[in-house]
Amino acid sequence: MAIFLSLFCIMSLLSPVLSQDMPYEEYMAQVQACPQECRCPPNFPRAVYCDNKGLKNIPKIPPHTWYLYLQNNQIEVLSADALRNATQLRWLNLNHNKITSEGVEEGFLNAMSHLAHLYMDDNLLSSVPSPLPGSLEHLRLSRNRISKIPAGVFLGLDKLNLLDLQGNKLMDDAVTEVSLKGLNNLVQINLAKNQLTSMPLGLPPTTTQLFLDGNNIEKIPAGYFKGLPKVAFLRLNHNKLGSSGVPKNVFNVSSILDLQLSHNQLTEVPLIPAGLEHLHLDHNKIKSVSGPNVCPVSVDAVDASINESVPRLRYLRLDGNEIKPPIPRDVILCFRLLTSIVI
């Protein structure tokens, strides 16, 4: 009976492994090679947890590791041979360490031809690491000290779809067409909480989500979004935008669904594109809102039925301005799909 129970336990542990198509030999090699500083769950054998251990160096990682967690340690240097054996890595988390750009030795990531997710938030980097593996899909470098994006650092990264650079020290001359070249399939870019005074140049036309909150942007060039035909989510909260810096038709882009302009210096409601669904204009200096000025179509042309001609706005936030309720009737007549107005 004891032997039967032992076999049952072993099979219970191995069943998830077999479902992951991990050969038994690899499984045993992986478990036996687990660093004593880390944790290697038998039911998740491709993952190695070395987080929150006070580590100053990366231990020797088993060769069949796909997911490596090294966050919340004291690591300062990423040596070229630190992950020499971990060539199958898909996911590497180095958040909350003390890694500097000087501490990232050349060749650290060279052998990782499968790496899709690289997280290095909350470190001491002053520049985007280079070179980066062409397999990357997500690159998170938020809350570092990055002031430089080396020219060509993103060349060959055709799979990268998310780039997070929020909370760094990027200025206008660092975010250019030259520095962003190679981001051919980027979907989301986060440049919030940097030191930008102008809208970034060189963003790829594939950009769908653009986050620029907490900068010092004062104006948007006319026609800026013609080069971003897929942008759907645009955040410009906590900038210095005044109505004179926002051309009347600049947001008249059919792809925009969610537009956030909270905590700026707007005195007027910008023209709202017909396809927009969520609009945040709270905490500006807007004194009034009227249908003829903000409706993307003639108020008289909006019939009582719900059809394609009806503007799609569903959520409107106007609190923190100088507007006094109620909202004018012609605004309600224009935006018939509104379900929530905050004033």
Protein backbone atom coordinates (compact mmCIF):
# COMPACT_ATOMS: atom_id res chain seq x y z
CA MET A 1 0.00 0.00 0.00
CA ALA A 2 2.84 2.39 0.89
CA ILE A 3 4.54 1.65 -2.44
CA PHE A 4 1.26 2.31 -4.25
CA LEU A 5 0.83 5.67 -2.51
CA SER A 6 4.41 6.65 -3.34
CA LEU A 7 3.85 5.84 -7.01
CA PHE A 8 0.59 7.76 -6.96
CA CYS A 9 2.31 10.86 -5.52
CA ILE A 10 5.07 10.67 -8.11
CA MET A 11 2.55 10.38 -10.95
CA SER A 12 0.56 13.28 -9.49
CA LEU A 13 3.65 15.44 -9.60
CA LEU A 14 4.61 14.32 -13.08
CA SER A 15 1.16 14.66 -14.68
CA PRO A 16 1.42 18.45 -15.12
CA VAL A 17 4.91 17.95 -16.52
CA LEU A 18 3.74 15.40 -19.04
CA SER A 19 0.94 17.76 -20.05
CA GLN A 20 3.57 20.38 -20.77
CA ASP A 21 5.43 17.87 -23.01
CA MET A 22 8.51 18.07 -20.83
CA PRO A 23 10.53 14.86 -21.12
CA TYR A 24 11.15 13.01 -17.89
CA GLU A 25 14.93 13.36 -18.27
CA GLU A 26 14.61 17.13 -18.59
CA TYR A 27 12.28 17.25 -15.61
CA MET A 28 14.74 15.38 -13.39
CA ALA A 29 17.68 17.48 -14.59
CA GLN A 30 15.71 20.65 -13.92
CA VAL A 31 14.67 19.67 -10.39
CA GLN A 32 18.12 18.45 -9.43
CA ALA A 33 19.83 21.60 -10.75
CA CYS A 34 17.60 24.01 -8.82
CA PRO A 35 19.81 26.56 -6.99
CA GLN A 36 19.57 26.24 -3.23
CA GLU A 37 18.82 29.99 -3.01
CA CYS A 38 15.74 29.55 -5.19
CA ARG A 39 12.48 27.65 -5.34
CA CYS A 40 11.56 25.32 -8.22
CA PRO A 41 7.96 24.05 -7.89
CA PRO A 42 7.73 20.40 -9.03
CA ASN A 43 4.34 21.09 -10.63
CA PHE A 44 5.74 24.06 -12.58
CA PRO A 45 9.20 22.77 -13.45
CA ARG A 46 10.09 25.35 -16.08
CA ALA A 47 9.83 28.19 -13.52
CA VAL A 48 12.58 29.22 -11.09
CA TYR A 49 11.72 31.62 -8.26
CA CYS A 50 14.70 33.53 -6.85
CA ASP A 51 12.77 36.65 -5.79
CA ASN A 52 13.01 38.36 -2.40
CA LYS A 53 16.20 36.52 -1.41
CA GLY A 54 18.61 39.43 -0.94
CA LEU A 55 20.73 38.13 -3.82
CA LYS A 56 23.63 40.22 -5.12
CA ASN A 57 24.43 37.85 -7.97
CA ILE A 58 22.42 35.61 -10.25
CA PRO A 59 22.85 31.94 -9.24
CA LYS A 60 23.45 29.21 -11.80
CA ILE A 61 20.09 28.67 -13.48
CA PRO A 62 18.94 25.21 -14.69
CA PRO A 63 19.11 24.80 -18.49
CA HIS A 64 15.42 24.08 -19.14
CA THR A 65 14.09 27.19 -17.38
CA TRP A 66 11.47 29.24 -19.23
CA TYR A 67 10.37 31.60 -16.44
CA LEU A 68 12.92 33.22 -14.14
CA TYR A 69 11.92 35.51 -11.28
CA LEU A 70 14.73 37.61 -9.77
CA GLN A 71 12.75 40.66 -8.61
CA ASN A 72 13.25 42.37 -5.25
CA ASN A 73 16.93 41.55 -4.75
CA GLN A 74 20.18 43.53 -4.52
CA ILE A 75 21.63 42.64 -7.92
CA GLU A 76 23.91 45.34 -9.37
CA VAL A 77 25.71 43.58 -12.22
CA LEU A 78 24.43 41.35 -15.03
CA SER A 79 27.56 39.55 -16.16
CA ALA A 80 27.90 38.20 -19.68
CA ASP A 81 27.95 34.59 -18.47
CA ALA A 82 25.30 34.91 -15.72
CA LEU A 83 22.62 33.21 -17.83
CA ARG A 84 24.89 31.31 -20.16
CA ASN A 85 23.07 28.02 -19.54
CA ALA A 86 19.54 29.47 -19.55
CA THR A 87 19.17 29.73 -23.31
CA GLN A 88 15.49 28.69 -23.29
CA LEU A 89 14.23 31.63 -21.21
CA ARG A 90 10.89 33.13 -22.27
CA TRP A 91 10.28 35.38 -19.26
CA LEU A 92 12.85 37.27 -17.16
CA ASN A 93 11.83 39.48 -14.23
CA LEU A 94 14.59 41.71 -12.79
CA ASN A 95 12.34 44.39 -11.27
CA HIS A 96 13.40 46.17 -8.07
CA ASN A 97 17.13 45.58 -8.10
CA LYS A 98 20.11 47.96 -8.29
CA ILE A 99 21.16 47.36 -11.87
CA THR A 100 22.97 50.22 -13.61
CA SER A 101 23.64 50.58 -17.33
CA GLU A 102 27.33 50.09 -16.62
CA GLY A 103 26.45 46.88 -14.80
CA VAL A 104 24.80 45.31 -17.86
CA GLU A 105 27.74 43.59 -19.53
CA GLU A 106 27.74 43.22 -23.29
CA GLY A 107 26.44 39.81 -24.25
CA PHE A 108 24.20 39.34 -21.21
CA LEU A 109 21.15 38.68 -23.40
CA ASN A 110 22.88 37.41 -26.52
CA ALA A 111 22.11 33.70 -26.08
CA MET A 112 18.40 34.19 -25.34
CA SER A 113 16.80 33.63 -28.72
CA HIS A 114 13.43 32.76 -27.14
CA LEU A 115 13.09 35.60 -24.62
CA ALA A 116 9.70 37.31 -25.06
CA HIS A 117 9.24 39.26 -21.79
CA LEU A 118 11.98 41.33 -20.15
CA TYR A 119 11.07 43.31 -17.03
CA MET A 120 13.62 45.70 -15.51
CA ASP A 121 11.37 48.22 -13.75
CA ASP A 122 12.65 50.09 -10.70
CA ASN A 123 16.39 49.83 -11.28
CA LEU A 124 19.15 52.41 -11.87
CA LEU A 125 19.47 52.23 -15.66
CA SER A 126 20.47 55.44 -17.47
CA SER A 127 20.03 54.03 -20.98
CA VAL A 128 17.96 51.38 -22.76
CA PRO A 129 20.02 48.15 -22.59
CA SER A 130 21.69 47.00 -25.79
CA PRO A 131 21.75 44.70 -27.65
CA LEU A 132 18.29 43.21 -27.13
CA PRO A 133 17.13 39.81 -28.41
CA GLY A 134 14.97 39.93 -31.53
CA SER A 135 12.41 37.62 -29.90
CA LEU A 136 11.24 40.28 -27.40
CA GLU A 137 7.51 41.05 -27.27
CA HIS A 138 7.29 43.07 -24.02
CA LEU A 139 10.01 45.37 -22.68
CA ARG A 140 9.35 47.14 -19.38
CA LEU A 141 11.89 49.69 -18.15
CA SER A 142 9.72 52.00 -16.03
CA ARG A 143 11.00 54.03 -13.07
CA ASN A 144 14.68 53.99 -13.92
CA ARG A 145 16.91 56.97 -14.75
CA ILE A 146 16.86 56.53 -18.50
CA SER A 147 17.73 59.69 -20.43
CA LYS A 148 19.05 58.02 -23.57
CA ILE A 149 17.69 55.65 -26.21
CA PRO A 150 20.69 54.54 -28.30
CA ALA A 151 20.21 54.89 -32.05
CA GLY A 152 19.27 51.56 -33.58
CA VAL A 153 18.66 49.79 -30.26
CA PHE A 154 15.26 48.57 -31.51
CA LEU A 155 16.37 47.44 -34.97
CA GLY A 156 15.42 43.82 -35.53
CA LEU A 157 12.81 43.82 -32.78
CA ASP A 158 9.93 43.12 -35.15
CA LYS A 159 7.99 41.20 -32.48
CA LEU A 160 8.05 43.94 -29.85
CA ASN A 161 4.50 45.17 -29.23
CA LEU A 162 4.79 46.77 -25.76
CA LEU A 163 7.41 49.30 -24.63
CA ASP A 164 7.13 50.82 -21.14
CA LEU A 165 9.46 53.74 -20.41
CA GLN A 166 7.34 55.64 -17.91
CA GLY A 167 8.92 57.39 -14.95
CA ASN A 168 12.32 58.07 -16.51
CA LYS A 169 14.23 61.22 -17.54
CA LEU A 170 13.58 61.26 -21.26
CA MET A 171 13.61 64.65 -22.98
CA ASP A 172 12.48 65.55 -26.49
CA ASP A 173 15.88 64.97 -28.09
CA ALA A 174 15.94 61.38 -26.80
CA VAL A 175 12.63 60.30 -28.35
CA THR A 176 13.12 60.69 -32.08
CA GLU A 177 12.53 58.87 -35.33
CA VAL A 178 16.12 57.68 -35.21
CA SER A 179 15.96 56.32 -31.66
CA LEU A 180 12.60 54.57 -32.22
CA LYS A 181 13.49 53.07 -35.59
CA GLY A 182 12.75 49.36 -35.77
CA LEU A 183 9.52 49.32 -33.77
CA ASN A 184 7.55 48.08 -36.75
CA ASN A 185 4.79 46.29 -34.85
CA LEU A 186 4.53 48.30 -31.64
CA VAL A 187 1.03 48.46 -30.15
CA GLN A 188 1.55 50.20 -26.79
CA ILE A 189 4.16 52.77 -25.79
CA ASN A 190 4.20 54.35 -22.34
CA LEU A 191 6.19 57.59 -22.06
CA ALA A 192 4.33 58.96 -19.04
CA LYS A 193 6.15 60.85 -16.27
CA ASN A 194 9.18 61.88 -18.29
CA GLN A 195 10.41 65.37 -19.25
CA LEU A 196 8.84 65.79 -22.68
CA THR A 197 7.72 69.26 -23.79
CA SER A 198 6.58 68.18 -27.28
CA MET A 199 4.63 65.30 -28.75
CA PRO A 200 7.13 62.51 -29.52
CA LEU A 201 8.26 62.08 -33.10
CA GLY A 202 8.92 58.85 -34.94
CA LEU A 203 6.18 56.73 -33.35
CA PRO A 204 5.32 53.74 -35.56
CA PRO A 205 1.97 53.85 -37.42
CA THR A 206 0.99 50.60 -35.66
CA THR A 207 0.71 52.43 -32.30
CA THR A 208 -2.70 51.80 -30.73
CA GLN A 209 -2.12 52.92 -27.12
CA LEU A 210 -0.11 56.10 -26.45
CA PHE A 211 0.42 57.18 -22.83
CA LEU A 212 1.98 60.62 -22.26
CA ASP A 213 0.62 61.57 -18.82
CA GLY A 214 2.70 63.69 -16.47
CA ASN A 215 4.95 65.48 -18.96
CA ASN A 216 5.23 69.17 -19.84
CA ILE A 217 3.57 69.11 -23.26
CA GLU A 218 2.06 72.46 -24.23
CA LYS A 219 0.79 71.87 -27.76
CA ILE A 220 -0.11 69.24 -30.33
CA PRO A 221 0.96 69.91 -33.93
CA ALA A 222 -1.87 70.09 -36.47
CA GLY A 223 -2.19 66.78 -38.29
CA TYR A 224 -0.07 64.97 -35.70
CA PHE A 225 -2.32 61.90 -35.63
CA LYS A 226 -2.37 61.43 -39.41
CA GLY A 227 0.78 59.40 -38.89
CA LEU A 228 -0.94 57.28 -36.23
CA PRO A 229 -3.98 55.87 -38.04
CA LYS A 230 -4.58 53.12 -35.45
CA VAL A 231 -4.34 55.11 -32.21
CA ALA A 232 -7.34 54.18 -30.06
CA PHE A 233 -6.29 55.02 -26.49
CA LEU A 234 -4.63 58.39 -25.91
CA ARG A 235 -3.66 59.70 -22.47
CA LEU A 236 -2.37 63.24 -22.02
CA ASN A 237 -3.40 63.84 -18.40
CA HIS A 238 -1.29 66.16 -16.23
CA ASN A 239 0.38 68.18 -18.98
CA LYS A 240 0.31 71.90 -19.84
CA LEU A 241 -2.09 71.87 -22.77
CA GLY A 242 -4.08 75.04 -23.31
CA SER A 243 -6.83 75.38 -25.89
CA SER A 244 -4.52 77.49 -28.09
CA GLY A 245 -2.17 74.50 -28.26
CA VAL A 246 -4.88 72.08 -29.37
CA PRO A 247 -5.89 72.62 -33.04
CA LYS A 248 -9.64 72.39 -33.55
CA ASN A 249 -9.68 69.18 -35.59
CA VAL A 250 -6.54 67.52 -34.21
CA PHE A 251 -8.49 64.70 -32.52
CA ASN A 252 -10.77 64.14 -35.51
CA VAL A 253 -9.38 60.65 -36.04
CA SER A 254 -11.85 57.83 -36.54
CA SER A 255 -9.75 55.31 -34.60
CA ILE A 256 -9.72 57.16 -31.23
CA LEU A 257 -12.01 55.50 -28.68
CA ASP A 258 -10.66 56.79 -25.35
CA LEU A 259 -9.24 60.31 -24.94
CA GLN A 260 -7.92 61.57 -21.60
CA LEU A 261 -7.00 65.27 -21.18
CA SER A 262 -7.52 65.67 -17.43
CA HIS A 263 -5.49 68.16 -15.36
CA ASN A 264 -4.47 70.50 -18.17
CA GLN A 265 -5.22 74.16 -18.90
CA LEU A 266 -7.98 73.83 -21.50
CA THR A 267 -10.57 76.58 -21.60
CA GLU A 268 -12.74 74.97 -24.28
CA VAL A 269 -13.97 71.49 -25.09
CA PRO A 270 -12.12 70.24 -28.19
CA LEU A 271 -14.08 68.93 -31.16
CA ILE A 272 -15.15 65.40 -30.30
CA PRO A 273 -14.71 62.78 -33.04
CA ALA A 274 -17.87 60.83 -33.86
CA GLY A 275 -16.36 57.47 -32.89
CA LEU A 276 -15.04 58.55 -29.47
CA GLU A 277 -16.57 56.59 -26.55
CA HIS A 278 -14.80 57.95 -23.44
CA LEU A 279 -13.67 61.54 -22.85
CA HIS A 280 -11.91 62.82 -19.71
CA LEU A 281 -11.73 66.62 -19.44
CA ASP A 282 -11.84 67.01 -15.66
CA HIS A 283 -9.71 69.56 -13.83
CA ASN A 284 -9.21 72.06 -16.62
CA LYS A 285 -10.43 75.67 -16.93
CA ILE A 286 -13.49 75.06 -19.09
CA LYS A 287 -16.34 77.49 -18.37
CA SER A 288 -19.07 76.21 -20.67
CA VAL A 289 -20.05 73.46 -23.08
CA SER A 290 -22.58 73.70 -25.93
CA GLY A 291 -23.83 71.30 -28.57
CA PRO A 292 -22.97 73.35 -31.69
CA ASN A 293 -19.36 73.76 -30.52
CA VAL A 294 -18.60 70.15 -29.56
CA CYS A 295 -20.97 67.98 -31.58
CA PRO A 296 -19.16 66.25 -34.48
CA VAL A 297 -22.33 66.42 -36.58
CA SER A 298 -25.12 68.95 -36.83
CA VAL A 299 -27.41 68.59 -33.84
CA ASP A 300 -30.39 68.94 -36.17
CA ALA A 301 -29.08 66.02 -38.25
CA VAL A 302 -29.14 63.59 -35.32
CA ASP A 303 -32.53 61.89 -35.60
CA ALA A 304 -34.34 60.09 -32.85
CA SER A 305 -33.20 56.65 -33.93
CA ILE A 306 -29.92 55.05 -32.96
CA ASN A 307 -27.92 54.60 -36.15
CA GLU A 308 -24.41 55.00 -37.50
CA SER A 309 -24.73 58.78 -37.69
CA VAL A 310 -25.13 59.11 -33.92
CA PRO A 311 -21.88 60.06 -32.09
CA ARG A 312 -20.66 57.14 -29.97
CA LEU A 313 -19.71 59.05 -26.79
CA ARG A 314 -20.80 57.08 -23.71
CA TYR A 315 -18.76 58.57 -20.85
CA LEU A 316 -17.98 62.27 -20.30
CA ARG A 317 -16.10 63.67 -17.33
CA LEU A 318 -16.14 67.44 -16.77
CA ASP A 319 -15.74 67.85 -13.01
CA GLY A 320 -13.07 70.19 -11.67
CA ASN A 321 -13.88 72.87 -14.25
CA GLU A 322 -15.91 76.08 -14.02
CA ILE A 323 -19.01 74.56 -15.59
CA LYS A 324 -22.25 74.80 -13.71
CA PRO A 325 -24.96 72.15 -14.16
CA PRO A 326 -27.19 71.30 -15.86
CA ILE A 327 -25.60 70.15 -19.11
CA PRO A 328 -27.27 71.99 -22.03
CA ARG A 329 -30.03 70.07 -23.79
CA ASP A 330 -28.35 70.27 -27.19
CA VAL A 331 -25.34 68.36 -25.81
CA ILE A 332 -27.65 65.57 -24.63
CA LEU A 333 -29.43 65.57 -27.99
CA CYS A 334 -26.12 65.21 -29.81
CA PHE A 335 -24.65 62.45 -27.64
CA ARG A 336 -27.64 60.14 -27.35
CA LEU A 337 -25.57 57.17 -26.19
CA LEU A 338 -24.24 58.93 -23.09
CA THR A 339 -24.72 56.75 -20.02
CA SER A 340 -22.55 58.73 -17.57
CA ILE A 341 -21.68 62.42 -17.19
CA VAL A 342 -19.55 63.60 -14.28
CA ILE A 343 -19.79 67.34 -13.63
